[in-house]
PDB file of N, CA and C in Angstrom:
ATOM      1  N   MET A   1       0.852  -1.170   0.000  1.00  0.00           N
ATOM      2  CA  MET A   1       0.000   0.000   0.000  1.00  0.00           C
ATOM      3  C   MET A   1       0.904   1.242   0.000  1.00  0.00           C
ATOM      4  N   PRO A   2       0.609   2.232  -0.806  1.00  0.00           N
ATOM      5  CA  PRO A   2       1.448   3.437  -0.857  1.00  0.00           C
ATOM      6  C   PRO A   2       1.578   4.104   0.513  1.00  0.00           C
ATOM      7  N   GLY A   3       2.792   4.429   0.890  1.00  0.00           N
ATOM      8  CA  GLY A   3       3.044   5.094   2.164  1.00  0.00           C
ATOM      9  C   GLY A   3       3.156   4.168   3.357  1.00  0.00           C
ATOM     10  N   GLU A   4       2.853   2.894   3.171  1.00  0.00           N
ATOM     11  CA  GLU A   4       2.928   1.923   4.267  1.00  0.00           C
ATOM     12  C   GLU A   4       4.376   1.472   4.432  1.00  0.00           C
ATOM     13  N   LYS A   5       4.824   1.365   5.696  1.00  0.00           N
ATOM     14  CA  LYS A   5       6.209   0.988   5.966  1.00  0.00           C
ATOM     15  C   LYS A   5       6.272  -0.365   6.665  1.00  0.00           C
ATOM     16  N   VAL A   6       7.095  -1.253   6.130  1.00  0.00           N
ATOM     17  CA  VAL A   6       7.344  -2.534   6.791  1.00  0.00           C
ATOM     18  C   VAL A   6       8.287  -2.272   7.954  1.00  0.00           C
ATOM     19  N   VAL A   7       7.874  -2.689   9.154  1.00  0.00           N
ATOM     20  CA  VAL A   7       8.671  -2.475  10.357  1.00  0.00           C
ATOM     21  C   VAL A   7       9.513  -3.710  10.670  1.00  0.00           C
ATOM     22  N   MET A   8       8.909  -4.891  10.571  1.00  0.00           N
ATOM     23  CA  MET A   8       9.635  -6.140  10.791  1.00  0.00           C
ATOM     24  C   MET A   8       8.918  -7.269  10.068  1.00  0.00           C
ATOM     25  N   GLU A   9       9.685  -8.302   9.745  1.00  0.00           N
ATOM     26  CA  GLU A   9       9.108  -9.472   9.095  1.00  0.00           C
ATOM     27  C   GLU A   9       9.823 -10.723   9.591  1.00  0.00           C
ATOM     28  N   TYR A  10       9.051 -11.807   9.692  1.00  0.00           N
ATOM     29  CA  TYR A  10       9.595 -13.052  10.220  1.00  0.00           C
ATOM     30  C   TYR A  10       9.081 -14.224   9.415  1.00  0.00           C
ATOM     31  N   LYS A  11       9.917 -15.229   9.268  1.00  0.00           N
ATOM     32  CA  LYS A  11       9.545 -16.482   8.620  1.00  0.00           C
ATOM     33  C   LYS A  11       9.501 -17.549   9.695  1.00  0.00           C
ATOM     34  N   GLY A  12       8.372 -18.236   9.789  1.00  0.00           N
ATOM     35  CA  GLY A  12       8.227 -19.324  10.743  1.00  0.00           C
ATOM     36  C   GLY A  12       8.571 -20.651  10.098  1.00  0.00           C
ATOM     37  N   LEU A  13       8.127 -21.745  10.706  1.00  0.00           N
ATOM     38  CA  LEU A  13       8.382 -23.063  10.143  1.00  0.00           C
ATOM     39  C   LEU A  13       7.717 -23.207   8.777  1.00  0.00           C
ATOM     40  N   ARG A  14       6.493 -22.715   8.642  1.00  0.00           N
ATOM     41  CA  ARG A  14       5.784 -22.737   7.355  1.00  0.00           C
ATOM     42  C   ARG A  14       5.262 -21.358   6.982  1.00  0.00           C
ATOM     43  N   ASP A  15       4.759 -20.633   7.955  1.00  0.00           N
ATOM     44  CA  ASP A  15       4.137 -19.352   7.651  1.00  0.00           C
ATOM     45  C   ASP A  15       5.110 -18.191   7.819  1.00  0.00           C
ATOM     46  N   ALA A  16       4.644 -17.005   7.490  1.00  0.00           N
ATOM     47  CA  ALA A  16       5.453 -15.794   7.632  1.00  0.00           C
ATOM     48  C   ALA A  16       4.549 -14.677   8.129  1.00  0.00           C
ATOM     49  N   ALA A  17       5.139 -13.693   8.794  1.00  0.00           N
ATOM     50  CA  ALA A  17       4.393 -12.542   9.300  1.00  0.00           C
ATOM     51  C   ALA A  17       5.124 -11.267   8.914  1.00  0.00           C
ATOM     52  N   VAL A  18       4.354 -10.297   8.447  1.00  0.00           N
ATOM     53  CA  VAL A  18       4.899  -8.995   8.088  1.00  0.00           C
ATOM     54  C   VAL A  18       4.177  -7.958   8.939  1.00  0.00           C
ATOM     55  N   PHE A  19       4.946  -7.229   9.743  1.00  0.00           N
ATOM     56  CA  PHE A  19       4.404  -6.194  10.612  1.00  0.00           C
ATOM     57  C   PHE A  19       4.675  -4.842   9.962  1.00  0.00           C
ATOM     58  N   THR A  20       3.616  -4.101   9.648  1.00  0.00           N
ATOM     59  CA  THR A  20       3.792  -2.778   9.061  1.00  0.00           C
ATOM     60  C   THR A  20       3.281  -1.733  10.042  1.00  0.00           C
ATOM     61  N   ASP A  21       3.410  -0.475   9.677  1.00  0.00           N
ATOM     62  CA  ASP A  21       2.901   0.579  10.541  1.00  0.00           C
ATOM     63  C   ASP A  21       1.375   0.646  10.519  1.00  0.00           C
ATOM     64  N   ARG A  22       0.717  -0.086   9.604  1.00  0.00           N
ATOM     65  CA  ARG A  22      -0.740  -0.044   9.491  1.00  0.00           C
ATOM     66  C   ARG A  22      -1.445  -1.358   9.794  1.00  0.00           C
ATOM     67  N   ARG A  23      -0.736  -2.483   9.643  1.00  0.00           N
ATOM     68  CA  ARG A  23      -1.401  -3.777   9.789  1.00  0.00           C
ATOM     69  C   ARG A  23      -0.406  -4.909  10.008  1.00  0.00           C
ATOM     70  N   LEU A  24      -0.962  -6.067  10.312  1.00  0.00           N
ATOM     71  CA  LEU A  24      -0.213  -7.318  10.385  1.00  0.00           C
ATOM     72  C   LEU A  24      -0.673  -8.172   9.213  1.00  0.00           C
ATOM     73  N   MET A  25       0.269  -8.661   8.441  1.00  0.00           N
ATOM     74  CA  MET A  25      -0.052  -9.568   7.336  1.00  0.00           C
ATOM     75  C   MET A  25       0.516 -10.942   7.664  1.00  0.00           C
ATOM     76  N   VAL A  26      -0.298 -11.972   7.465  1.00  0.00           N
ATOM     77  CA  VAL A  26       0.120 -13.348   7.731  1.00  0.00           C
ATOM     78  C   VAL A  26       0.042 -14.129   6.426  1.00  0.00           C
ATOM     79  N   ILE A  27       1.153 -14.742   6.053  1.00  0.00           N
ATOM     80  CA  ILE A  27       1.229 -15.542   4.837  1.00  0.00           C
ATOM     81  C   ILE A  27       1.328 -17.002   5.258  1.00  0.00           C
ATOM     82  N   ASP A  28       0.360 -17.815   4.829  1.00  0.00           N
ATOM     83  CA  ASP A  28       0.264 -19.198   5.283  1.00  0.00           C
ATOM     84  C   ASP A  28       0.123 -20.148   4.091  1.00  0.00           C
ATOM     85  N   PRO A  29       1.197 -20.867   3.733  1.00  0.00           N
ATOM     86  CA  PRO A  29       1.097 -21.851   2.648  1.00  0.00           C
ATOM     87  C   PRO A  29       0.149 -22.984   3.043  1.00  0.00           C
ATOM     88  N   GLN A  30      -0.698 -23.405   2.124  1.00  0.00           N
ATOM     89  CA  GLN A  30      -1.669 -24.465   2.382  1.00  0.00           C
ATOM     90  C   GLN A  30      -1.221 -25.748   1.688  1.00  0.00           C
ATOM     91  N   GLY A  31      -1.605 -26.863   2.245  1.00  0.00           N
ATOM     92  CA  GLY A  31      -1.328 -28.147   1.607  1.00  0.00           C
ATOM     93  C   GLY A  31       0.098 -28.616   1.809  1.00  0.00           C
ATOM     94  N   LEU A  32       0.377 -29.780   1.274  1.00  0.00           N
ATOM     95  CA  LEU A  32       1.669 -30.430   1.449  1.00  0.00           C
ATOM     96  C   LEU A  32       2.804 -29.676   0.762  1.00  0.00           C
ATOM     97  N   ARG A  33       2.571 -29.218  -0.439  1.00  0.00           N
ATOM     98  CA  ARG A  33       3.612 -28.525  -1.194  1.00  0.00           C
ATOM     99  C   ARG A  33       3.583 -27.013  -1.020  1.00  0.00           C
ATOM    100  N   GLY A  34       2.510 -26.486  -0.464  1.00  0.00           N
ATOM    101  CA  GLY A  34       2.423 -25.050  -0.242  1.00  0.00           C
ATOM    102  C   GLY A  34       2.197 -24.233  -1.495  1.00  0.00           C
ATOM    103  N   ARG A  35       1.607 -24.851  -2.509  1.00  0.00           N
ATOM    104  CA  ARG A  35       1.352 -24.118  -3.753  1.00  0.00           C
ATOM    105  C   ARG A  35       0.213 -23.120  -3.588  1.00  0.00           C
ATOM    106  N   LYS A  36      -0.756 -23.463  -2.768  1.00  0.00           N
ATOM    107  CA  LYS A  36      -1.855 -22.555  -2.472  1.00  0.00           C
ATOM    108  C   LYS A  36      -1.444 -21.754  -1.239  1.00  0.00           C
ATOM    109  N   VAL A  37      -1.555 -20.442  -1.322  1.00  0.00           N
ATOM    110  CA  VAL A  37      -1.097 -19.582  -0.234  1.00  0.00           C
ATOM    111  C   VAL A  37      -2.243 -18.703   0.242  1.00  0.00           C
ATOM    112  N   SER A  38      -2.442 -18.666   1.549  1.00  0.00           N
ATOM    113  CA  SER A  38      -3.436 -17.797   2.163  1.00  0.00           C
ATOM    114  C   SER A  38      -2.726 -16.558   2.711  1.00  0.00           C
ATOM    115  N   VAL A  39      -3.214 -15.379   2.347  1.00  0.00           N
ATOM    116  CA  VAL A  39      -2.661 -14.128   2.864  1.00  0.00           C
ATOM    117  C   VAL A  39      -3.771 -13.408   3.610  1.00  0.00           C
ATOM    118  N   SER A  40      -3.548 -13.142   4.895  1.00  0.00           N
ATOM    119  CA  SER A  40      -4.532 -12.441   5.720  1.00  0.00           C
ATOM    120  C   SER A  40      -3.959 -11.104   6.158  1.00  0.00           C
ATOM    121  N   SER A  41      -4.816 -10.091   6.198  1.00  0.00           N
ATOM    122  CA  SER A  41      -4.405  -8.748   6.589  1.00  0.00           C
ATOM    123  C   SER A  41      -5.259  -8.301   7.764  1.00  0.00           C
ATOM    124  N   PHE A  42      -4.606  -7.921   8.867  1.00  0.00           N
ATOM    125  CA  PHE A  42      -5.307  -7.506  10.072  1.00  0.00           C
ATOM    126  C   PHE A  42      -4.908  -6.075  10.431  1.00  0.00           C
ATOM    127  N   PRO A  43      -5.796  -5.102  10.217  1.00  0.00           N
ATOM    128  CA  PRO A  43      -5.470  -3.725  10.607  1.00  0.00           C
ATOM    129  C   PRO A  43      -5.280  -3.649  12.124  1.00  0.00           C
ATOM    130  N   TRP A  44      -4.358  -2.825  12.572  1.00  0.00           N
ATOM    131  CA  TRP A  44      -4.075  -2.719  14.004  1.00  0.00           C
ATOM    132  C   TRP A  44      -5.312  -2.333  14.800  1.00  0.00           C
ATOM    133  N   LYS A  45      -6.203  -1.523  14.221  1.00  0.00           N
ATOM    134  CA  LYS A  45      -7.390  -1.082  14.955  1.00  0.00           C
ATOM    135  C   LYS A  45      -8.373  -2.225  15.215  1.00  0.00           C
ATOM    136  N   SER A  46      -8.260  -3.349  14.477  1.00  0.00           N
ATOM    137  CA  SER A  46      -9.168  -4.476  14.690  1.00  0.00           C
ATOM    138  C   SER A  46      -8.631  -5.481  15.710  1.00  0.00           C
ATOM    139  N   ILE A  47      -7.381  -5.340  16.121  1.00  0.00           N
ATOM    140  CA  ILE A  47      -6.781  -6.272  17.082  1.00  0.00           C
ATOM    141  C   ILE A  47      -7.108  -5.811  18.496  1.00  0.00           C
ATOM    142  N   THR A  48      -7.663  -6.731  19.298  1.00  0.00           N
ATOM    143  CA  THR A  48      -8.114  -6.375  20.642  1.00  0.00           C
ATOM    144  C   THR A  48      -7.220  -6.914  21.756  1.00  0.00           C
ATOM    145  N   ALA A  49      -6.488  -7.990  21.501  1.00  0.00           N
ATOM    146  CA  ALA A  49      -5.636  -8.585  22.542  1.00  0.00           C
ATOM    147  C   ALA A  49      -4.619  -9.518  21.893  1.00  0.00           C
ATOM    148  N   PHE A  50      -3.568  -9.847  22.654  1.00  0.00           N
ATOM    149  CA  PHE A  50      -2.599 -10.827  22.169  1.00  0.00           C
ATOM    150  C   PHE A  50      -1.966 -11.540  23.348  1.00  0.00           C
ATOM    151  N   SER A  51      -1.456 -12.742  23.100  1.00  0.00           N
ATOM    152  CA  SER A  51      -0.711 -13.481  24.118  1.00  0.00           C
ATOM    153  C   SER A  51       0.543 -14.034  23.466  1.00  0.00           C
ATOM    154  N   LEU A  52       1.535 -14.285  24.289  1.00  0.00           N
ATOM    155  CA  LEU A  52       2.829 -14.719  23.793  1.00  0.00           C
ATOM    156  C   LEU A  52       3.340 -15.869  24.642  1.00  0.00           C
ATOM    157  N   GLU A  53       3.857 -16.901  23.994  1.00  0.00           N
ATOM    158  CA  GLU A  53       4.443 -18.046  24.689  1.00  0.00           C
ATOM    159  C   GLU A  53       5.862 -18.225  24.172  1.00  0.00           C
ATOM    160  N   ASN A  54       6.838 -18.033  25.048  1.00  0.00           N
ATOM    161  CA  ASN A  54       8.245 -18.195  24.658  1.00  0.00           C
ATOM    162  C   ASN A  54       8.560 -19.654  24.404  1.00  0.00           C
ATOM    163  N   SER A  55       9.600 -19.896  23.620  1.00  0.00           N
ATOM    164  CA  SER A  55      10.020 -21.274  23.387  1.00  0.00           C
ATOM    165  C   SER A  55      10.736 -21.787  24.632  1.00  0.00           C
ATOM    166  N   GLY A  56      10.418 -23.016  25.003  1.00  0.00           N
ATOM    167  CA  GLY A  56      11.063 -23.634  26.151  1.00  0.00           C
ATOM    168  C   GLY A  56      12.357 -24.317  25.736  1.00  0.00           C
ATOM    169  N   THR A  57      12.936 -25.050  26.656  1.00  0.00           N
ATOM    170  CA  THR A  57      14.211 -25.719  26.414  1.00  0.00           C
ATOM    171  C   THR A  57      14.144 -26.684  25.234  1.00  0.00           C
ATOM    172  N   PHE A  58      13.053 -27.437  25.137  1.00  0.00           N
ATOM    173  CA  PHE A  58      12.945 -28.448  24.086  1.00  0.00           C
ATOM    174  C   PHE A  58      12.007 -28.041  22.950  1.00  0.00           C
ATOM    175  N   ASP A  59      11.482 -26.829  22.998  1.00  0.00           N
ATOM    176  CA  ASP A  59      10.570 -26.359  21.954  1.00  0.00           C
ATOM    177  C   ASP A  59      11.344 -25.827  20.758  1.00  0.00           C
ATOM    178  N   LEU A  60      10.760 -25.970  19.586  1.00  0.00           N
ATOM    179  CA  LEU A  60      11.377 -25.461  18.366  1.00  0.00           C
ATOM    180  C   LEU A  60      10.955 -24.031  18.058  1.00  0.00           C
ATOM    181  N   ASP A  61       9.854 -23.600  18.682  1.00  0.00           N
ATOM    182  CA  ASP A  61       9.340 -22.293  18.320  1.00  0.00           C
ATOM    183  C   ASP A  61       8.647 -21.591  19.481  1.00  0.00           C
ATOM    184  N   ALA A  62       8.380 -20.305  19.284  1.00  0.00           N
ATOM    185  CA  ALA A  62       7.571 -19.515  20.203  1.00  0.00           C
ATOM    186  C   ALA A  62       6.248 -19.255  19.495  1.00  0.00           C
ATOM    187  N   GLU A  63       5.214 -18.975  20.264  1.00  0.00           N
ATOM    188  CA  GLU A  63       3.891 -18.807  19.675  1.00  0.00           C
ATOM    189  C   GLU A  63       3.244 -17.514  20.148  1.00  0.00           C
ATOM    190  N   MET A  64       2.577 -16.835  19.227  1.00  0.00           N
ATOM    191  CA  MET A  64       1.826 -15.630  19.555  1.00  0.00           C
ATOM    192  C   MET A  64       0.403 -15.826  19.056  1.00  0.00           C
ATOM    193  N   LYS A  65      -0.565 -15.509  19.904  1.00  0.00           N
ATOM    194  CA  LYS A  65      -1.971 -15.551  19.515  1.00  0.00           C
ATOM    195  C   LYS A  65      -2.485 -14.121  19.517  1.00  0.00           C
ATOM    196  N   ILE A  66      -3.153 -13.759  18.437  1.00  0.00           N
ATOM    197  CA  ILE A  66      -3.683 -12.411  18.288  1.00  0.00           C
ATOM    198  C   ILE A  66      -5.190 -12.520  18.114  1.00  0.00           C
ATOM    199  N   CYS A  67      -5.938 -11.772  18.933  1.00  0.00           N
ATOM    200  CA  CYS A  67      -7.399 -11.798  18.895  1.00  0.00           C
ATOM    201  C   CYS A  67      -7.922 -10.508  18.287  1.00  0.00           C
ATOM    202  N   GLY A  68      -8.994 -10.639  17.522  1.00  0.00           N
ATOM    203  CA  GLY A  68      -9.553  -9.452  16.899  1.00  0.00           C
ATOM    204  C   GLY A  68     -11.056  -9.484  16.816  1.00  0.00           C
ATOM    205  N   SER A  69     -11.624  -8.302  16.700  1.00  0.00           N
ATOM    206  CA  SER A  69     -13.066  -8.193  16.572  1.00  0.00           C
ATOM    207  C   SER A  69     -13.476  -8.573  15.153  1.00  0.00           C
ATOM    208  N   GLY A  70     -14.390  -9.522  15.063  1.00  0.00           N
ATOM    209  CA  GLY A  70     -14.912  -9.926  13.771  1.00  0.00           C
ATOM    210  C   GLY A  70     -14.180 -11.068  13.092  1.00  0.00           C
ATOM    211  N   TRP A  71     -13.025 -11.489  13.601  1.00  0.00           N
ATOM    212  CA  TRP A  71     -12.296 -12.584  12.952  1.00  0.00           C
ATOM    213  C   TRP A  71     -11.725 -13.610  13.907  1.00  0.00           C
ATOM    214  N   GLY A  72     -11.833 -13.449  15.191  1.00  0.00           N
ATOM    215  CA  GLY A  72     -11.398 -14.483  16.131  1.00  0.00           C
ATOM    216  C   GLY A  72      -9.930 -14.444  16.490  1.00  0.00           C
ATOM    217  N   VAL A  73      -9.258 -15.599  16.387  1.00  0.00           N
ATOM    218  CA  VAL A  73      -7.870 -15.731  16.833  1.00  0.00           C
ATOM    219  C   VAL A  73      -6.969 -16.134  15.661  1.00  0.00           C
ATOM    220  N   CYS A  74      -5.821 -15.492  15.586  1.00  0.00           N
ATOM    221  CA  CYS A  74      -4.791 -15.827  14.603  1.00  0.00           C
ATOM    222  C   CYS A  74      -3.566 -16.303  15.388  1.00  0.00           C
ATOM    223  N   GLU A  75      -3.019 -17.454  15.013  1.00  0.00           N
ATOM    224  CA  GLU A  75      -1.845 -17.991  15.701  1.00  0.00           C
ATOM    225  C   GLU A  75      -0.617 -17.883  14.811  1.00  0.00           C
ATOM    226  N   LEU A  76       0.468 -17.363  15.388  1.00  0.00           N
ATOM    227  CA  LEU A  76       1.739 -17.238  14.681  1.00  0.00           C
ATOM    228  C   LEU A  76       2.792 -18.046  15.418  1.00  0.00           C
ATOM    229  N   GLU A  77       3.635 -18.749  14.679  1.00  0.00           N
ATOM    230  CA  GLU A  77       4.741 -19.487  15.280  1.00  0.00           C
ATOM    231  C   GLU A  77       6.048 -18.896  14.782  1.00  0.00           C
ATOM    232  N   PHE A  78       6.965 -18.641  15.716  1.00  0.00           N
ATOM    233  CA  PHE A  78       8.267 -18.076  15.385  1.00  0.00           C
ATOM    234  C   PHE A  78       9.348 -19.093  15.716  1.00  0.00           C
ATOM    235  N   THR A  79      10.338 -19.195  14.858  1.00  0.00           N
ATOM    236  CA  THR A  79      11.419 -20.147  15.081  1.00  0.00           C
ATOM    237  C   THR A  79      12.303 -19.706  16.242  1.00  0.00           C
ATOM    238  N   ARG A  80      13.006 -20.664  16.807  1.00  0.00           N
ATOM    239  CA  ARG A  80      13.919 -20.394  17.919  1.00  0.00           C
ATOM    240  C   ARG A  80      14.917 -19.314  17.500  1.00  0.00           C
ATOM    241  N   GLY A  81      15.218 -18.427  18.425  1.00  0.00           N
ATOM    242  CA  GLY A  81      16.172 -17.362  18.150  1.00  0.00           C
ATOM    243  C   GLY A  81      15.526 -16.024  17.826  1.00  0.00           C
ATOM    244  N   VAL A  82      14.225 -16.025  17.517  1.00  0.00           N
ATOM    245  CA  VAL A  82      13.524 -14.770  17.248  1.00  0.00           C
ATOM    246  C   VAL A  82      13.251 -14.074  18.574  1.00  0.00           C
ATOM    247  N   ASP A  83      13.546 -12.778  18.638  1.00  0.00           N
ATOM    248  CA  ASP A  83      13.317 -12.002  19.859  1.00  0.00           C
ATOM    249  C   ASP A  83      11.832 -11.651  19.955  1.00  0.00           C
ATOM    250  N   VAL A  84      11.066 -12.536  20.605  1.00  0.00           N
ATOM    251  CA  VAL A  84       9.626 -12.324  20.692  1.00  0.00           C
ATOM    252  C   VAL A  84       9.268 -11.145  21.587  1.00  0.00           C
ATOM    253  N   SER A  85      10.169 -10.746  22.478  1.00  0.00           N
ATOM    254  CA  SER A  85       9.886  -9.575  23.317  1.00  0.00           C
ATOM    255  C   SER A  85       9.851  -8.305  22.466  1.00  0.00           C
ATOM    256  N   GLU A  86      10.671  -8.249  21.427  1.00  0.00           N
ATOM    257  CA  GLU A  86      10.652  -7.112  20.500  1.00  0.00           C
ATOM    258  C   GLU A  86       9.322  -7.074  19.737  1.00  0.00           C
ATOM    259  N   ILE A  87       8.848  -8.232  19.321  1.00  0.00           N
ATOM    260  CA  ILE A  87       7.567  -8.319  18.618  1.00  0.00           C
ATOM    261  C   ILE A  87       6.437  -7.902  19.548  1.00  0.00           C
ATOM    262  N   ALA A  88       6.457  -8.421  20.778  1.00  0.00           N
ATOM    263  CA  ALA A  88       5.414  -8.089  21.750  1.00  0.00           C
ATOM    264  C   ALA A  88       5.381  -6.595  22.047  1.00  0.00           C
ATOM    265  N   ALA A  89       6.540  -5.977  22.187  1.00  0.00           N
ATOM    266  CA  ALA A  89       6.599  -4.535  22.450  1.00  0.00           C
ATOM    267  C   ALA A  89       6.002  -3.751  21.287  1.00  0.00           C
ATOM    268  N   PHE A  90       6.308  -4.158  20.056  1.00  0.00           N
ATOM    269  CA  PHE A  90       5.768  -3.466  18.887  1.00  0.00           C
ATOM    270  C   PHE A  90       4.252  -3.623  18.804  1.00  0.00           C
ATOM    271  N   VAL A  91       3.753  -4.857  18.964  1.00  0.00           N
ATOM    272  CA  VAL A  91       2.310  -5.104  18.903  1.00  0.00           C
ATOM    273  C   VAL A  91       1.602  -4.344  20.015  1.00  0.00           C
ATOM    274  N   ASN A  92       2.163  -4.371  21.210  1.00  0.00           N
ATOM    275  CA  ASN A  92       1.581  -3.645  22.340  1.00  0.00           C
ATOM    276  C   ASN A  92       1.471  -2.155  22.026  1.00  0.00           C
ATOM    277  N   GLU A  93       2.509  -1.597  21.453  1.00  0.00           N
ATOM    278  CA  GLU A  93       2.518  -0.175  21.091  1.00  0.00           C
ATOM    279  C   GLU A  93       1.444   0.136  20.047  1.00  0.00           C
ATOM    280  N   ARG A  94       1.280  -0.751  19.075  1.00  0.00           N
ATOM    281  CA  ARG A  94       0.312  -0.505  17.998  1.00  0.00           C
ATOM    282  C   ARG A  94      -1.133  -0.629  18.466  1.00  0.00           C
ATOM    283  N   ILE A  95      -1.445  -1.629  19.300  1.00  0.00           N
ATOM    284  CA  ILE A  95      -2.859  -1.835  19.646  1.00  0.00           C
ATOM    285  C   ILE A  95      -3.304  -1.083  20.892  1.00  0.00           C
ATOM    286  N   PHE A  96      -2.369  -0.699  21.746  1.00  0.00           N
ATOM    287  CA  PHE A  96      -2.756   0.014  22.964  1.00  0.00           C
ATOM    288  C   PHE A  96      -2.283   1.454  22.958  1.00  0.00           C
ATOM    289  N   ASP A  97      -1.989   1.985  21.789  1.00  0.00           N
ATOM    290  CA  ASP A  97      -1.513   3.360  21.650  1.00  0.00           C
ATOM    291  C   ASP A  97      -2.625   4.348  21.904  1.00  0.00           C
TER     292      ASP A  97
END
């Protein structure tokens, strides 16, 4: 979108997330080969809450759940090594500003 700035982007085990100054975009390959791709766009004003689960000692990933009015819950998985506290701070700033 013209004038929109990408702030951060992450690739998970299968899906990807793009955080912009206006919205969160989630790219989710479908099926075994991932030829069909689902792209969802969530404006920051529609997000009402989020939760974050850090990766444990034996976990491969961290998980973030984002809740919104009119669409329910979106789950994101981040690979080990991603600074989820940075993501949480950004999301917190965008939805509770």
